Amino acid sequence: YAKEHGKTIEQSARILRYRVFDKCL
C-alpha cells in the first residue's frame, strides 16, 4: 500500500488498520 500510494509504512499501516476496524464496526 505504501509503495502504491506514496506513503510511509507507518501511515499505510494505520490507514489499513483503521479500515479493518471500520469494517468490524
mmCIF file of all heavy atoms, coordinates in Angstrom:
data_MODEL
# 
_entry.id   MODEL 
# 
loop_
_atom_site.group_PDB 
_atom_site.id 
_atom_site.type_symbol 
_atom_site.label_atom_id 
_atom_site.label_alt_id 
_atom_site.label_comp_id 
_atom_site.label_asym_id 
_atom_site.label_entity_id 
_atom_site.label_seq_id 
_atom_site.pdbx_PDB_ins_code 
_atom_site.Cartn_x 
_atom_site.Cartn_y 
_atom_site.Cartn_z 
_atom_site.occupancy 
_atom_site.B_iso_or_equiv 
_atom_site.pdbx_formal_charge 
_atom_site.auth_seq_id 
_atom_site.auth_comp_id 
_atom_site.auth_asym_id 
_atom_site.auth_atom_id 
_atom_site.pdbx_PDB_model_num 
ATOM 1   N N   . TYR A 1 1  ? 0.843   -1.200 0.000  1.00 0.00 ? 1  TYR A N   1 
ATOM 2   C CA  . TYR A 1 1  ? 0.000   0.000  0.000  1.00 0.00 ? 1  TYR A CA  1 
ATOM 3   C C   . TYR A 1 1  ? 0.881   1.253  0.000  1.00 0.00 ? 1  TYR A C   1 
ATOM 4   O O   . TYR A 1 1  ? 0.599   2.227  -0.714 1.00 0.00 ? 1  TYR A O   1 
ATOM 5   C CB  . TYR A 1 1  ? -0.910  0.002  1.223  1.00 0.00 ? 1  TYR A CB  1 
ATOM 6   C CG  . TYR A 1 1  ? -1.903  1.134  1.244  1.00 0.00 ? 1  TYR A CG  1 
ATOM 7   C CD1 . TYR A 1 1  ? -3.182  0.974  0.718  1.00 0.00 ? 1  TYR A CD1 1 
ATOM 8   C CD2 . TYR A 1 1  ? -1.573  2.373  1.805  1.00 0.00 ? 1  TYR A CD2 1 
ATOM 9   C CE1 . TYR A 1 1  ? -4.094  2.016  0.725  1.00 0.00 ? 1  TYR A CE1 1 
ATOM 10  C CE2 . TYR A 1 1  ? -2.477  3.428  1.808  1.00 0.00 ? 1  TYR A CE2 1 
ATOM 11  C CZ  . TYR A 1 1  ? -3.740  3.244  1.272  1.00 0.00 ? 1  TYR A CZ  1 
ATOM 12  O OH  . TYR A 1 1  ? -4.633  4.286  1.276  1.00 0.00 ? 1  TYR A OH  1 
ATOM 13  N N   . ALA A 1 2  ? 1.941   1.230  0.791  1.00 0.00 ? 2  ALA A N   1 
ATOM 14  C CA  . ALA A 1 2  ? 2.846   2.383  0.861  1.00 0.00 ? 2  ALA A CA  1 
ATOM 15  C C   . ALA A 1 2  ? 3.473   2.667  -0.499 1.00 0.00 ? 2  ALA A C   1 
ATOM 16  O O   . ALA A 1 2  ? 3.557   3.826  -0.936 1.00 0.00 ? 2  ALA A O   1 
ATOM 17  C CB  . ALA A 1 2  ? 3.929   2.121  1.906  1.00 0.00 ? 2  ALA A CB  1 
ATOM 18  N N   . LYS A 1 3  ? 3.885   1.617  -1.173 1.00 0.00 ? 3  LYS A N   1 
ATOM 19  C CA  . LYS A 1 3  ? 4.514   1.777  -2.483 1.00 0.00 ? 3  LYS A CA  1 
ATOM 20  C C   . LYS A 1 3  ? 3.519   2.304  -3.514 1.00 0.00 ? 3  LYS A C   1 
ATOM 21  O O   . LYS A 1 3  ? 3.833   3.194  -4.309 1.00 0.00 ? 3  LYS A O   1 
ATOM 22  C CB  . LYS A 1 3  ? 5.082   0.432  -2.944 1.00 0.00 ? 3  LYS A CB  1 
ATOM 23  C CG  . LYS A 1 3  ? 5.832   0.498  -4.265 1.00 0.00 ? 3  LYS A CG  1 
ATOM 24  C CD  . LYS A 1 3  ? 6.435   -0.850 -4.620 1.00 0.00 ? 3  LYS A CD  1 
ATOM 25  C CE  . LYS A 1 3  ? 7.199   -0.784 -5.936 1.00 0.00 ? 3  LYS A CE  1 
ATOM 26  N NZ  . LYS A 1 3  ? 7.776   -2.109 -6.294 1.00 0.00 ? 3  LYS A NZ  1 
ATOM 27  N N   . GLU A 1 4  ? 2.313   1.784  -3.471 1.00 0.00 ? 4  GLU A N   1 
ATOM 28  C CA  . GLU A 1 4  ? 1.297   2.179  -4.460 1.00 0.00 ? 4  GLU A CA  1 
ATOM 29  C C   . GLU A 1 4  ? 0.828   3.607  -4.258 1.00 0.00 ? 4  GLU A C   1 
ATOM 30  O O   . GLU A 1 4  ? 0.561   4.333  -5.226 1.00 0.00 ? 4  GLU A O   1 
ATOM 31  C CB  . GLU A 1 4  ? 0.104   1.224  -4.379 1.00 0.00 ? 4  GLU A CB  1 
ATOM 32  C CG  . GLU A 1 4  ? -1.005  1.544  -5.375 1.00 0.00 ? 4  GLU A CG  1 
ATOM 33  C CD  . GLU A 1 4  ? -2.176  0.583  -5.271 1.00 0.00 ? 4  GLU A CD  1 
ATOM 34  O OE1 . GLU A 1 4  ? -2.076  -0.408 -4.516 1.00 0.00 ? 4  GLU A OE1 1 
ATOM 35  O OE2 . GLU A 1 4  ? -3.201  0.833  -5.938 1.00 0.00 ? 4  GLU A OE2 1 
ATOM 36  N N   . HIS A 1 5  ? 0.724   4.044  -2.998 1.00 0.00 ? 5  HIS A N   1 
ATOM 37  C CA  . HIS A 1 5  ? 0.130   5.343  -2.710 1.00 0.00 ? 5  HIS A CA  1 
ATOM 38  C C   . HIS A 1 5  ? 1.137   6.402  -2.278 1.00 0.00 ? 5  HIS A C   1 
ATOM 39  O O   . HIS A 1 5  ? 0.739   7.529  -1.950 1.00 0.00 ? 5  HIS A O   1 
ATOM 40  C CB  . HIS A 1 5  ? -0.943  5.185  -1.629 1.00 0.00 ? 5  HIS A CB  1 
ATOM 41  C CG  . HIS A 1 5  ? -2.102  4.334  -2.054 1.00 0.00 ? 5  HIS A CG  1 
ATOM 42  N ND1 . HIS A 1 5  ? -3.170  4.815  -2.768 1.00 0.00 ? 5  HIS A ND1 1 
ATOM 43  C CD2 . HIS A 1 5  ? -2.339  3.003  -1.879 1.00 0.00 ? 5  HIS A CD2 1 
ATOM 44  C CE1 . HIS A 1 5  ? -4.027  3.836  -3.017 1.00 0.00 ? 5  HIS A CE1 1 
ATOM 45  N NE2 . HIS A 1 5  ? -3.545  2.726  -2.480 1.00 0.00 ? 5  HIS A NE2 1 
ATOM 46  N N   . GLY A 1 6  ? 2.423   6.066  -2.278 1.00 0.00 ? 6  GLY A N   1 
ATOM 47  C CA  . GLY A 1 6  ? 3.445   7.043  -1.948 1.00 0.00 ? 6  GLY A CA  1 
ATOM 48  C C   . GLY A 1 6  ? 3.417   7.497  -0.509 1.00 0.00 ? 6  GLY A C   1 
ATOM 49  O O   . GLY A 1 6  ? 3.699   8.663  -0.203 1.00 0.00 ? 6  GLY A O   1 
ATOM 50  N N   . LYS A 1 7  ? 3.083   6.594  0.402  1.00 0.00 ? 7  LYS A N   1 
ATOM 51  C CA  . LYS A 1 7  ? 3.019   6.917  1.830  1.00 0.00 ? 7  LYS A CA  1 
ATOM 52  C C   . LYS A 1 7  ? 4.092   6.143  2.590  1.00 0.00 ? 7  LYS A C   1 
ATOM 53  O O   . LYS A 1 7  ? 4.687   5.195  2.062  1.00 0.00 ? 7  LYS A O   1 
ATOM 54  C CB  . LYS A 1 7  ? 1.634   6.602  2.390  1.00 0.00 ? 7  LYS A CB  1 
ATOM 55  C CG  . LYS A 1 7  ? 0.517   7.436  1.762  1.00 0.00 ? 7  LYS A CG  1 
ATOM 56  C CD  . LYS A 1 7  ? -0.813  7.162  2.429  1.00 0.00 ? 7  LYS A CD  1 
ATOM 57  C CE  . LYS A 1 7  ? -1.924  8.004  1.824  1.00 0.00 ? 7  LYS A CE  1 
ATOM 58  N NZ  . LYS A 1 7  ? -1.714  9.455  2.046  1.00 0.00 ? 7  LYS A NZ  1 
ATOM 59  N N   . THR A 1 8  ? 4.320   6.537  3.836  1.00 0.00 ? 8  THR A N   1 
ATOM 60  C CA  . THR A 1 8  ? 5.271   5.795  4.658  1.00 0.00 ? 8  THR A CA  1 
ATOM 61  C C   . THR A 1 8  ? 4.619   4.488  5.130  1.00 0.00 ? 8  THR A C   1 
ATOM 62  O O   . THR A 1 8  ? 3.398   4.337  5.079  1.00 0.00 ? 8  THR A O   1 
ATOM 63  C CB  . THR A 1 8  ? 5.696   6.602  5.900  1.00 0.00 ? 8  THR A CB  1 
ATOM 64  O OG1 . THR A 1 8  ? 4.566   6.752  6.777  1.00 0.00 ? 8  THR A OG1 1 
ATOM 65  C CG2 . THR A 1 8  ? 6.219   7.978  5.507  1.00 0.00 ? 8  THR A CG2 1 
ATOM 66  N N   . ILE A 1 9  ? 5.475   3.584  5.583  1.00 0.00 ? 9  ILE A N   1 
ATOM 67  C CA  . ILE A 1 9  ? 4.961   2.324  6.126  1.00 0.00 ? 9  ILE A CA  1 
ATOM 68  C C   . ILE A 1 9  ? 4.053   2.591  7.324  1.00 0.00 ? 9  ILE A C   1 
ATOM 69  O O   . ILE A 1 9  ? 2.996   1.971  7.482  1.00 0.00 ? 9  ILE A O   1 
ATOM 70  C CB  . ILE A 1 9  ? 6.124   1.397  6.548  1.00 0.00 ? 9  ILE A CB  1 
ATOM 71  C CG1 . ILE A 1 9  ? 6.937   0.957  5.312  1.00 0.00 ? 9  ILE A CG1 1 
ATOM 72  C CG2 . ILE A 1 9  ? 5.595   0.176  7.282  1.00 0.00 ? 9  ILE A CG2 1 
ATOM 73  C CD1 . ILE A 1 9  ? 6.213   0.022  4.385  1.00 0.00 ? 9  ILE A CD1 1 
ATOM 74  N N   . GLU A 1 10 ? 4.464   3.540  8.190  1.00 0.00 ? 10 GLU A N   1 
ATOM 75  C CA  . GLU A 1 10 ? 3.656   3.873  9.366  1.00 0.00 ? 10 GLU A CA  1 
ATOM 76  C C   . GLU A 1 10 ? 2.272   4.368  8.967  1.00 0.00 ? 10 GLU A C   1 
ATOM 77  O O   . GLU A 1 10 ? 1.251   3.934  9.523  1.00 0.00 ? 10 GLU A O   1 
ATOM 78  C CB  . GLU A 1 10 ? 4.358   4.954  10.198 1.00 0.00 ? 10 GLU A CB  1 
ATOM 79  C CG  . GLU A 1 10 ? 5.623   4.490  10.907 1.00 0.00 ? 10 GLU A CG  1 
ATOM 80  C CD  . GLU A 1 10 ? 6.333   5.661  11.557 1.00 0.00 ? 10 GLU A CD  1 
ATOM 81  O OE1 . GLU A 1 10 ? 6.934   6.467  10.826 1.00 0.00 ? 10 GLU A OE1 1 
ATOM 82  O OE2 . GLU A 1 10 ? 6.271   5.769  12.797 1.00 0.00 ? 10 GLU A OE2 1 
ATOM 83  N N   . GLN A 1 11 ? 2.236   5.294  8.019  1.00 0.00 ? 11 GLN A N   1 
ATOM 84  C CA  . GLN A 1 11 ? 0.958   5.836  7.552  1.00 0.00 ? 11 GLN A CA  1 
ATOM 85  C C   . GLN A 1 11 ? 0.092   4.741  6.947  1.00 0.00 ? 11 GLN A C   1 
ATOM 86  O O   . GLN A 1 11 ? -1.111  4.656  7.216  1.00 0.00 ? 11 GLN A O   1 
ATOM 87  C CB  . GLN A 1 11 ? 1.201   6.932  6.508  1.00 0.00 ? 11 GLN A CB  1 
ATOM 88  C CG  . GLN A 1 11 ? 1.813   8.204  7.052  1.00 0.00 ? 11 GLN A CG  1 
ATOM 89  C CD  . GLN A 1 11 ? 2.252   9.154  5.946  1.00 0.00 ? 11 GLN A CD  1 
ATOM 90  O OE1 . GLN A 1 11 ? 2.603   8.728  4.834  1.00 0.00 ? 11 GLN A OE1 1 
ATOM 91  N NE2 . GLN A 1 11 ? 2.225   10.439 6.240  1.00 0.00 ? 11 GLN A NE2 1 
ATOM 92  N N   . SER A 1 12 ? 0.702   3.910  6.137  1.00 0.00 ? 12 SER A N   1 
ATOM 93  C CA  . SER A 1 12 ? -0.044  2.859  5.446  1.00 0.00 ? 12 SER A CA  1 
ATOM 94  C C   . SER A 1 12 ? -0.616  1.851  6.430  1.00 0.00 ? 12 SER A C   1 
ATOM 95  O O   . SER A 1 12 ? -1.769  1.424  6.299  1.00 0.00 ? 12 SER A O   1 
ATOM 96  C CB  . SER A 1 12 ? 0.866   2.145  4.439  1.00 0.00 ? 12 SER A CB  1 
ATOM 97  O OG  . SER A 1 12 ? 1.345   3.061  3.480  1.00 0.00 ? 12 SER A OG  1 
ATOM 98  N N   . ALA A 1 13 ? 0.190   1.461  7.421  1.00 0.00 ? 13 ALA A N   1 
ATOM 99  C CA  . ALA A 1 13 ? -0.285  0.510  8.429  1.00 0.00 ? 13 ALA A CA  1 
ATOM 100 C C   . ALA A 1 13 ? -1.482  1.077  9.171  1.00 0.00 ? 13 ALA A C   1 
ATOM 101 O O   . ALA A 1 13 ? -2.463  0.369  9.425  1.00 0.00 ? 13 ALA A O   1 
ATOM 102 C CB  . ALA A 1 13 ? 0.839   0.168  9.406  1.00 0.00 ? 13 ALA A CB  1 
ATOM 103 N N   . ARG A 1 14 ? -1.424  2.361  9.506  1.00 0.00 ? 14 ARG A N   1 
ATOM 104 C CA  . ARG A 1 14 ? -2.531  2.981  10.235 1.00 0.00 ? 14 ARG A CA  1 
ATOM 105 C C   . ARG A 1 14 ? -3.796  3.028  9.384  1.00 0.00 ? 14 ARG A C   1 
ATOM 106 O O   . ARG A 1 14 ? -4.886  2.702  9.843  1.00 0.00 ? 14 ARG A O   1 
ATOM 107 C CB  . ARG A 1 14 ? -2.149  4.398  10.674 1.00 0.00 ? 14 ARG A CB  1 
ATOM 108 C CG  . ARG A 1 14 ? -3.216  5.072  11.529 1.00 0.00 ? 14 ARG A CG  1 
ATOM 109 C CD  . ARG A 1 14 ? -2.851  6.495  11.889 1.00 0.00 ? 14 ARG A CD  1 
ATOM 110 N NE  . ARG A 1 14 ? -3.798  7.048  12.839 1.00 0.00 ? 14 ARG A NE  1 
ATOM 111 C CZ  . ARG A 1 14 ? -4.986  7.530  12.509 1.00 0.00 ? 14 ARG A CZ  1 
ATOM 112 N NH1 . ARG A 1 14 ? -5.378  7.516  11.234 1.00 0.00 ? 14 ARG A NH1 1 
ATOM 113 N NH2 . ARG A 1 14 ? -5.797  8.014  13.435 1.00 0.00 ? 14 ARG A NH2 1 
ATOM 114 N N   . ILE A 1 15 ? -3.643  3.437  8.128  1.00 0.00 ? 15 ILE A N   1 
ATOM 115 C CA  . ILE A 1 15 ? -4.811  3.516  7.233  1.00 0.00 ? 15 ILE A CA  1 
ATOM 116 C C   . ILE A 1 15 ? -5.481  2.155  7.104  1.00 0.00 ? 15 ILE A C   1 
ATOM 117 O O   . ILE A 1 15 ? -6.703  2.019  7.247  1.00 0.00 ? 15 ILE A O   1 
ATOM 118 C CB  . ILE A 1 15 ? -4.377  4.041  5.850  1.00 0.00 ? 15 ILE A CB  1 
ATOM 119 C CG1 . ILE A 1 15 ? -3.990  5.521  5.936  1.00 0.00 ? 15 ILE A CG1 1 
ATOM 120 C CG2 . ILE A 1 15 ? -5.506  3.848  4.824  1.00 0.00 ? 15 ILE A CG2 1 
ATOM 121 C CD1 . ILE A 1 15 ? -3.301  6.043  4.692  1.00 0.00 ? 15 ILE A CD1 1 
ATOM 122 N N   . LEU A 1 16 ? -4.682  1.131  6.842  1.00 0.00 ? 16 LEU A N   1 
ATOM 123 C CA  . LEU A 1 16 ? -5.243  -0.214 6.637  1.00 0.00 ? 16 LEU A CA  1 
ATOM 124 C C   . LEU A 1 16 ? -5.817  -0.783 7.926  1.00 0.00 ? 16 LEU A C   1 
ATOM 125 O O   . LEU A 1 16 ? -6.838  -1.473 7.913  1.00 0.00 ? 16 LEU A O   1 
ATOM 126 C CB  . LEU A 1 16 ? -4.162  -1.138 6.080  1.00 0.00 ? 16 LEU A CB  1 
ATOM 127 C CG  . LEU A 1 16 ? -3.644  -0.762 4.686  1.00 0.00 ? 16 LEU A CG  1 
ATOM 128 C CD1 . LEU A 1 16 ? -2.495  -1.675 4.274  1.00 0.00 ? 16 LEU A CD1 1 
ATOM 129 C CD2 . LEU A 1 16 ? -4.760  -0.827 3.649  1.00 0.00 ? 16 LEU A CD2 1 
ATOM 130 N N   . ARG A 1 17 ? -5.169  -0.492 9.046  1.00 0.00 ? 17 ARG A N   1 
ATOM 131 C CA  . ARG A 1 17 ? -5.655  -0.973 10.342 1.00 0.00 ? 17 ARG A CA  1 
ATOM 132 C C   . ARG A 1 17 ? -7.037  -0.381 10.641 1.00 0.00 ? 17 ARG A C   1 
ATOM 133 O O   . ARG A 1 17 ? -7.952  -1.096 11.060 1.00 0.00 ? 17 ARG A O   1 
ATOM 134 C CB  . ARG A 1 17 ? -4.648  -0.582 11.426 1.00 0.00 ? 17 ARG A CB  1 
ATOM 135 C CG  . ARG A 1 17 ? -4.971  -1.075 12.808 1.00 0.00 ? 17 ARG A CG  1 
ATOM 136 C CD  . ARG A 1 17 ? -3.777  -0.946 13.728 1.00 0.00 ? 17 ARG A CD  1 
ATOM 137 N NE  . ARG A 1 17 ? -3.317  0.419  13.930 1.00 0.00 ? 17 ARG A NE  1 
ATOM 138 C CZ  . ARG A 1 17 ? -2.172  0.918  13.458 1.00 0.00 ? 17 ARG A CZ  1 
ATOM 139 N NH1 . ARG A 1 17 ? -1.357  0.168  12.744 1.00 0.00 ? 17 ARG A NH1 1 
ATOM 140 N NH2 . ARG A 1 17 ? -1.822  2.166  13.704 1.00 0.00 ? 17 ARG A NH2 1 
ATOM 141 N N   . TYR A 1 18 ? -7.193  0.912  10.411 1.00 0.00 ? 18 TYR A N   1 
ATOM 142 C CA  . TYR A 1 18 ? -8.477  1.538  10.691 1.00 0.00 ? 18 TYR A CA  1 
ATOM 143 C C   . TYR A 1 18 ? -9.557  1.102  9.695  1.00 0.00 ? 18 TYR A C   1 
ATOM 144 O O   . TYR A 1 18 ? -10.737 1.098  10.026 1.00 0.00 ? 18 TYR A O   1 
ATOM 145 C CB  . TYR A 1 18 ? -8.339  3.061  10.719 1.00 0.00 ? 18 TYR A CB  1 
ATOM 146 C CG  . TYR A 1 18 ? -7.897  3.569  12.080 1.00 0.00 ? 18 TYR A CG  1 
ATOM 147 C CD1 . TYR A 1 18 ? -6.548  3.627  12.412 1.00 0.00 ? 18 TYR A CD1 1 
ATOM 148 C CD2 . TYR A 1 18 ? -8.822  3.945  13.045 1.00 0.00 ? 18 TYR A CD2 1 
ATOM 149 C CE1 . TYR A 1 18 ? -6.129  4.059  13.654 1.00 0.00 ? 18 TYR A CE1 1 
ATOM 150 C CE2 . TYR A 1 18 ? -8.420  4.378  14.295 1.00 0.00 ? 18 TYR A CE2 1 
ATOM 151 C CZ  . TYR A 1 18 ? -7.070  4.429  14.596 1.00 0.00 ? 18 TYR A CZ  1 
ATOM 152 O OH  . TYR A 1 18 ? -6.661  4.854  15.834 1.00 0.00 ? 18 TYR A OH  1 
ATOM 153 N N   . ARG A 1 19 ? -9.159  0.747  8.510  1.00 0.00 ? 19 ARG A N   1 
ATOM 154 C CA  . ARG A 1 19 ? -10.136 0.182  7.570  1.00 0.00 ? 19 ARG A CA  1 
ATOM 155 C C   . ARG A 1 19 ? -10.713 -1.119 8.132  1.00 0.00 ? 19 ARG A C   1 
ATOM 156 O O   . ARG A 1 19 ? -11.910 -1.384 8.012  1.00 0.00 ? 19 ARG A O   1 
ATOM 157 C CB  . ARG A 1 19 ? -9.478  -0.066 6.207  1.00 0.00 ? 19 ARG A CB  1 
ATOM 158 C CG  . ARG A 1 19 ? -9.295  1.172  5.360  1.00 0.00 ? 19 ARG A CG  1 
ATOM 159 C CD  . ARG A 1 19 ? -8.793  0.818  3.971  1.00 0.00 ? 19 ARG A CD  1 
ATOM 160 N NE  . ARG A 1 19 ? -8.539  2.004  3.179  1.00 0.00 ? 19 ARG A NE  1 
ATOM 161 C CZ  . ARG A 1 19 ? -8.033  1.992  1.952  1.00 0.00 ? 19 ARG A CZ  1 
ATOM 162 N NH1 . ARG A 1 19 ? -7.711  0.814  1.396  1.00 0.00 ? 19 ARG A NH1 1 
ATOM 163 N NH2 . ARG A 1 19 ? -7.845  3.106  1.295  1.00 0.00 ? 19 ARG A NH2 1 
ATOM 164 N N   . VAL A 1 20 ? -9.827  -1.929 8.720  1.00 0.00 ? 20 VAL A N   1 
ATOM 165 C CA  . VAL A 1 20 ? -10.286 -3.176 9.340  1.00 0.00 ? 20 VAL A CA  1 
ATOM 166 C C   . VAL A 1 20 ? -11.243 -2.876 10.490 1.00 0.00 ? 20 VAL A C   1 
ATOM 167 O O   . VAL A 1 20 ? -12.317 -3.478 10.612 1.00 0.00 ? 20 VAL A O   1 
ATOM 168 C CB  . VAL A 1 20 ? -9.084  -4.006 9.835  1.00 0.00 ? 20 VAL A CB  1 
ATOM 169 C CG1 . VAL A 1 20 ? -9.559  -5.152 10.736 1.00 0.00 ? 20 VAL A CG1 1 
ATOM 170 C CG2 . VAL A 1 20 ? -8.285  -4.560 8.660  1.00 0.00 ? 20 VAL A CG2 1 
ATOM 171 N N   . PHE A 1 21 ? -10.862 -1.927 11.346 1.00 0.00 ? 21 PHE A N   1 
ATOM 172 C CA  . PHE A 1 21 ? -11.721 -1.578 12.481 1.00 0.00 ? 21 PHE A CA  1 
ATOM 173 C C   . PHE A 1 21 ? -13.074 -1.059 12.000 1.00 0.00 ? 21 PHE A C   1 
ATOM 174 O O   . PHE A 1 21 ? -14.122 -1.421 12.553 1.00 0.00 ? 21 PHE A O   1 
ATOM 175 C CB  . PHE A 1 21 ? -11.045 -0.515 13.353 1.00 0.00 ? 21 PHE A CB  1 
ATOM 176 C CG  . PHE A 1 21 ? -9.732  -0.946 13.963 1.00 0.00 ? 21 PHE A CG  1 
ATOM 177 C CD1 . PHE A 1 21 ? -8.776  0.000  14.314 1.00 0.00 ? 21 PHE A CD1 1 
ATOM 178 C CD2 . PHE A 1 21 ? -9.449  -2.283 14.190 1.00 0.00 ? 21 PHE A CD2 1 
ATOM 179 C CE1 . PHE A 1 21 ? -7.569  -0.376 14.875 1.00 0.00 ? 21 PHE A CE1 1 
ATOM 180 C CE2 . PHE A 1 21 ? -8.250  -2.678 14.754 1.00 0.00 ? 21 PHE A CE2 1 
ATOM 181 C CZ  . PHE A 1 21 ? -7.306  -1.716 15.095 1.00 0.00 ? 21 PHE A CZ  1 
ATOM 182 N N   . ASP A 1 22 ? -13.050 -0.190 10.980 1.00 0.00 ? 22 ASP A N   1 
ATOM 183 C CA  . ASP A 1 22 ? -14.304 0.345  10.435 1.00 0.00 ? 22 ASP A CA  1 
ATOM 184 C C   . ASP A 1 22 ? -15.204 -0.784 9.928  1.00 0.00 ? 22 ASP A C   1 
ATOM 185 O O   . ASP A 1 22 ? -16.416 -0.761 10.121 1.00 0.00 ? 22 ASP A O   1 
ATOM 186 C CB  . ASP A 1 22 ? -14.019 1.323  9.289  1.00 0.00 ? 22 ASP A CB  1 
ATOM 187 C CG  . ASP A 1 22 ? -13.483 2.656  9.771  1.00 0.00 ? 22 ASP A CG  1 
ATOM 188 O OD1 . ASP A 1 22 ? -13.631 2.957  10.970 1.00 0.00 ? 22 ASP A OD1 1 
ATOM 189 O OD2 . ASP A 1 22 ? -12.903 3.400  8.957  1.00 0.00 ? 22 ASP A OD2 1 
ATOM 190 N N   . LYS A 1 23 ? -14.578 -1.770 9.281  1.00 0.00 ? 23 LYS A N   1 
ATOM 191 C CA  . LYS A 1 23 ? -15.352 -2.895 8.755  1.00 0.00 ? 23 LYS A CA  1 
ATOM 192 C C   . LYS A 1 23 ? -15.969 -3.708 9.888  1.00 0.00 ? 23 LYS A C   1 
ATOM 193 O O   . LYS A 1 23 ? -17.121 -4.142 9.793  1.00 0.00 ? 23 LYS A O   1 
ATOM 194 C CB  . LYS A 1 23 ? -14.472 -3.786 7.883  1.00 0.00 ? 23 LYS A CB  1 
ATOM 195 C CG  . LYS A 1 23 ? -15.197 -5.020 7.324  1.00 0.00 ? 23 LYS A CG  1 
ATOM 196 C CD  . LYS A 1 23 ? -14.328 -5.786 6.359  1.00 0.00 ? 23 LYS A CD  1 
ATOM 197 C CE  . LYS A 1 23 ? -14.988 -7.110 5.961  1.00 0.00 ? 23 LYS A CE  1 
ATOM 198 N NZ  . LYS A 1 23 ? -16.346 -6.934 5.415  1.00 0.00 ? 23 LYS A NZ  1 
ATOM 199 N N   . CYS A 1 24 ? -15.207 -3.902 10.957 1.00 0.00 ? 24 CYS A N   1 
ATOM 200 C CA  . CYS A 1 24 ? -15.741 -4.639 12.106 1.00 0.00 ? 24 CYS A CA  1 
ATOM 201 C C   . CYS A 1 24 ? -16.950 -3.913 12.700 1.00 0.00 ? 24 CYS A C   1 
ATOM 202 O O   . CYS A 1 24 ? -17.949 -4.544 13.073 1.00 0.00 ? 24 CYS A O   1 
ATOM 203 C CB  . CYS A 1 24 ? -14.656 -4.818 13.172 1.00 0.00 ? 24 CYS A CB  1 
ATOM 204 S SG  . CYS A 1 24 ? -13.365 -5.992 12.712 1.00 0.00 ? 24 CYS A SG  1 
ATOM 205 N N   . LEU A 1 25 ? -16.864 -2.596 12.779 1.00 0.00 ? 25 LEU A N   1 
ATOM 206 C CA  . LEU A 1 25 ? -17.988 -1.812 13.282 1.00 0.00 ? 25 LEU A CA  1 
ATOM 207 C C   . LEU A 1 25 ? -19.168 -1.902 12.330 1.00 0.00 ? 25 LEU A C   1 
ATOM 208 O O   . LEU A 1 25 ? -20.313 -2.106 12.738 1.00 0.00 ? 25 LEU A O   1 
ATOM 209 C CB  . LEU A 1 25 ? -17.567 -0.352 13.475 1.00 0.00 ? 25 LEU A CB  1 
ATOM 210 C CG  . LEU A 1 25 ? -16.596 -0.071 14.623 1.00 0.00 ? 25 LEU A CG  1 
ATOM 211 C CD1 . LEU A 1 25 ? -16.026 1.340  14.509 1.00 0.00 ? 25 LEU A CD1 1 
ATOM 212 C CD2 . LEU A 1 25 ? -17.290 -0.250 15.971 1.00 0.00 ? 25 LEU A CD2 1 
# 
